[in-house]
Amino acid sequence: MFFSRKGKLKKEFDEKLVSLMKETKEDWHNSKVIEELSDDFNLDIEAQRKAAESVHFFLFKEARIRRVNLK
């Protein structure tokens, strides 16, 4: 009775994690494209790319720990 909610919550938060991973992957890809298209070297652009990359890999590591299946 009490444990049936646990599976439902895990599934809900796993879906949120997967959607967040997809969003951060798009952000990371966009920041890489912006950096490649930039004519001059800009530390702000590089910092944005590195931050987006770090967030994406952190979420990826969390998904691996939780054993989330990506569909």
N, C-alpha and C. Protein backbone atom coordinates (compact mmCIF):
# COMPACT_ATOMS: atom_id res chain seq x y z
N MET A 1 0.82 -1.18 0.00
CA MET A 1 0.00 0.00 0.00
C MET A 1 0.87 1.26 0.00
N PHE A 2 1.83 1.33 0.90
CA PHE A 2 2.66 2.53 1.00
C PHE A 2 3.78 2.55 -0.04
N PHE A 3 4.19 1.39 -0.50
CA PHE A 3 5.34 1.32 -1.40
C PHE A 3 4.95 1.46 -2.87
N SER A 4 3.69 1.45 -3.18
CA SER A 4 3.28 1.60 -4.58
C SER A 4 3.55 3.01 -5.08
N ARG A 5 3.58 3.96 -4.20
CA ARG A 5 3.84 5.35 -4.58
C ARG A 5 5.31 5.56 -4.95
N LYS A 6 6.19 4.78 -4.37
CA LYS A 6 7.62 4.92 -4.61
C LYS A 6 7.96 4.70 -6.08
N GLY A 7 7.40 3.68 -6.69
CA GLY A 7 7.65 3.39 -8.10
C GLY A 7 7.12 4.49 -9.00
N LYS A 8 5.97 5.02 -8.63
CA LYS A 8 5.36 6.09 -9.42
C LYS A 8 6.21 7.37 -9.35
N LEU A 9 6.71 7.70 -8.17
CA LEU A 9 7.55 8.88 -8.01
C LEU A 9 8.88 8.71 -8.74
N LYS A 10 9.47 7.52 -8.67
CA LYS A 10 10.72 7.28 -9.37
C LYS A 10 10.54 7.45 -10.87
N LYS A 11 9.47 6.92 -11.40
CA LYS A 11 9.20 7.04 -12.82
C LYS A 11 9.00 8.50 -13.22
N GLU A 12 8.26 9.24 -12.40
CA GLU A 12 8.01 10.66 -12.70
C GLU A 12 9.31 11.47 -12.70
N PHE A 13 10.15 11.28 -11.70
CA PHE A 13 11.38 12.04 -11.61
C PHE A 13 12.42 11.56 -12.64
N ASP A 14 12.37 10.30 -13.02
CA ASP A 14 13.24 9.83 -14.08
C ASP A 14 12.87 10.48 -15.41
N GLU A 15 11.58 10.64 -15.66
CA GLU A 15 11.14 11.32 -16.88
C GLU A 15 11.58 12.78 -16.88
N LYS A 16 11.50 13.43 -15.73
CA LYS A 16 11.96 14.82 -15.63
C LYS A 16 13.47 14.90 -15.88
N LEU A 17 14.21 13.94 -15.35
CA LEU A 17 15.67 13.91 -15.54
C LEU A 17 16.01 13.74 -17.02
N VAL A 18 15.30 12.85 -17.69
CA VAL A 18 15.56 12.62 -19.12
C VAL A 18 15.24 13.87 -19.92
N SER A 19 14.14 14.53 -19.63
CA SER A 19 13.80 15.75 -20.38
C SER A 19 14.82 16.86 -20.10
N LEU A 20 15.27 16.96 -18.87
CA LEU A 20 16.28 17.95 -18.53
C LEU A 20 17.61 17.64 -19.22
N MET A 21 17.94 16.37 -19.33
CA MET A 21 19.16 15.99 -20.04
C MET A 21 19.08 16.38 -21.51
N LYS A 22 17.92 16.20 -22.12
CA LYS A 22 17.75 16.58 -23.52
C LYS A 22 17.89 18.09 -23.70
N GLU A 23 17.32 18.86 -22.77
CA GLU A 23 17.43 20.32 -22.85
C GLU A 23 18.87 20.78 -22.69
N THR A 24 19.59 20.19 -21.73
CA THR A 24 20.97 20.61 -21.52
C THR A 24 21.87 20.19 -22.67
N LYS A 25 21.54 19.07 -23.31
CA LYS A 25 22.32 18.65 -24.48
C LYS A 25 22.14 19.66 -25.61
N GLU A 26 20.91 20.15 -25.80
CA GLU A 26 20.66 21.16 -26.82
C GLU A 26 21.39 22.47 -26.49
N ASP A 27 21.37 22.86 -25.21
CA ASP A 27 22.09 24.07 -24.79
C ASP A 27 23.59 23.94 -25.04
N TRP A 28 24.12 22.77 -24.72
CA TRP A 28 25.54 22.52 -24.91
C TRP A 28 25.89 22.57 -26.39
N HIS A 29 25.06 21.95 -27.22
CA HIS A 29 25.30 21.96 -28.66
C HIS A 29 25.21 23.39 -29.21
N ASN A 30 24.22 24.15 -28.77
CA ASN A 30 24.08 25.54 -29.23
C ASN A 30 25.29 26.38 -28.83
N SER A 31 25.78 26.18 -27.63
CA SER A 31 26.93 26.97 -27.18
C SER A 31 28.20 26.57 -27.95
N LYS A 32 28.31 25.28 -28.34
CA LYS A 32 29.44 24.87 -29.16
C LYS A 32 29.38 25.52 -30.54
N VAL A 33 28.18 25.59 -31.12
CA VAL A 33 28.01 26.21 -32.43
C VAL A 33 28.34 27.70 -32.36
N ILE A 34 27.87 28.36 -31.32
CA ILE A 34 28.16 29.79 -31.16
C ILE A 34 29.66 30.02 -31.03
N GLU A 35 30.33 29.16 -30.28
CA GLU A 35 31.77 29.30 -30.10
C GLU A 35 32.52 29.10 -31.42
N GLU A 36 32.06 28.14 -32.22
CA GLU A 36 32.71 27.89 -33.51
C GLU A 36 32.47 29.04 -34.49
N LEU A 37 31.30 29.66 -34.42
CA LEU A 37 30.98 30.74 -35.34
C LEU A 37 31.59 32.08 -34.93
N SER A 38 32.05 32.16 -33.71
CA SER A 38 32.64 33.40 -33.22
C SER A 38 33.98 33.67 -33.92
N ASP A 39 34.16 34.91 -34.35
CA ASP A 39 35.39 35.27 -35.05
C ASP A 39 36.57 35.45 -34.10
N ASP A 40 36.33 36.10 -32.99
CA ASP A 40 37.41 36.34 -32.04
C ASP A 40 37.26 35.44 -30.82
N PHE A 41 38.32 35.34 -30.07
CA PHE A 41 38.33 34.52 -28.86
C PHE A 41 37.64 35.29 -27.73
N ASN A 42 36.61 34.69 -27.17
CA ASN A 42 35.85 35.34 -26.11
C ASN A 42 35.74 34.39 -24.92
N LEU A 43 36.20 34.83 -23.77
CA LEU A 43 36.17 33.97 -22.58
C LEU A 43 34.75 33.71 -22.09
N ASP A 44 33.84 34.66 -22.29
CA ASP A 44 32.46 34.46 -21.85
C ASP A 44 31.79 33.32 -22.61
N ILE A 45 32.03 33.27 -23.90
CA ILE A 45 31.44 32.20 -24.72
C ILE A 45 32.01 30.85 -24.31
N GLU A 46 33.32 30.82 -24.09
CA GLU A 46 33.95 29.56 -23.66
C GLU A 46 33.44 29.13 -22.29
N ALA A 47 33.24 30.08 -21.40
CA ALA A 47 32.73 29.76 -20.06
C ALA A 47 31.30 29.22 -20.14
N GLN A 48 30.48 29.79 -21.02
CA GLN A 48 29.11 29.28 -21.19
C GLN A 48 29.12 27.85 -21.72
N ARG A 49 30.01 27.58 -22.67
CA ARG A 49 30.10 26.23 -23.23
C ARG A 49 30.54 25.23 -22.17
N LYS A 50 31.54 25.60 -21.39
CA LYS A 50 32.04 24.69 -20.36
C LYS A 50 31.00 24.46 -19.26
N ALA A 51 30.25 25.50 -18.92
CA ALA A 51 29.21 25.34 -17.92
C ALA A 51 28.10 24.42 -18.42
N ALA A 52 27.69 24.59 -19.67
CA ALA A 52 26.65 23.74 -20.25
C ALA A 52 27.14 22.29 -20.34
N GLU A 53 28.41 22.11 -20.69
CA GLU A 53 28.97 20.77 -20.77
C GLU A 53 29.01 20.12 -19.38
N SER A 54 29.40 20.87 -18.38
CA SER A 54 29.47 20.34 -17.02
C SER A 54 28.10 19.92 -16.50
N VAL A 55 27.09 20.74 -16.75
CA VAL A 55 25.73 20.42 -16.31
C VAL A 55 25.24 19.16 -17.01
N HIS A 56 25.48 19.07 -18.31
CA HIS A 56 25.02 17.89 -19.05
C HIS A 56 25.68 16.62 -18.53
N PHE A 57 26.99 16.65 -18.31
CA PHE A 57 27.67 15.45 -17.84
C PHE A 57 27.32 15.11 -16.39
N PHE A 58 27.01 16.13 -15.58
CA PHE A 58 26.54 15.85 -14.22
C PHE A 58 25.21 15.09 -14.27
N LEU A 59 24.28 15.56 -15.11
CA LEU A 59 22.99 14.89 -15.23
C LEU A 59 23.15 13.49 -15.81
N PHE A 60 24.08 13.34 -16.76
CA PHE A 60 24.34 12.03 -17.33
C PHE A 60 24.85 11.06 -16.26
N LYS A 61 25.74 11.54 -15.41
CA LYS A 61 26.27 10.71 -14.32
C LYS A 61 25.16 10.34 -13.34
N GLU A 62 24.29 11.28 -13.04
CA GLU A 62 23.17 11.02 -12.13
C GLU A 62 22.22 9.98 -12.73
N ALA A 63 21.97 10.07 -14.03
CA ALA A 63 21.10 9.09 -14.68
C ALA A 63 21.74 7.70 -14.65
N ARG A 64 23.04 7.64 -14.80
CA ARG A 64 23.73 6.35 -14.75
C ARG A 64 23.65 5.76 -13.35
N ILE A 65 23.77 6.59 -12.32
CA ILE A 65 23.66 6.12 -10.94
C ILE A 65 22.25 5.59 -10.66
N ARG A 66 21.25 6.32 -11.16
CA ARG A 66 19.85 5.92 -10.95
C ARG A 66 19.42 4.77 -11.84
N ARG A 67 20.26 4.42 -12.82
CA ARG A 67 19.96 3.36 -13.79
C ARG A 67 18.70 3.68 -14.59
N VAL A 68 18.68 4.89 -15.14
CA VAL A 68 17.56 5.34 -15.96
C VAL A 68 17.75 4.81 -17.37
N ASN A 69 16.68 4.26 -17.93
CA ASN A 69 16.72 3.80 -19.32
C ASN A 69 16.27 4.92 -20.23
N LEU A 70 17.15 5.32 -21.14
CA LEU A 70 16.80 6.34 -22.13
C LEU A 70 16.12 5.68 -23.30
N LYS A 71 14.99 6.24 -23.69
CA LYS A 71 14.22 5.65 -24.79
C LYS A 71 14.29 6.52 -26.00
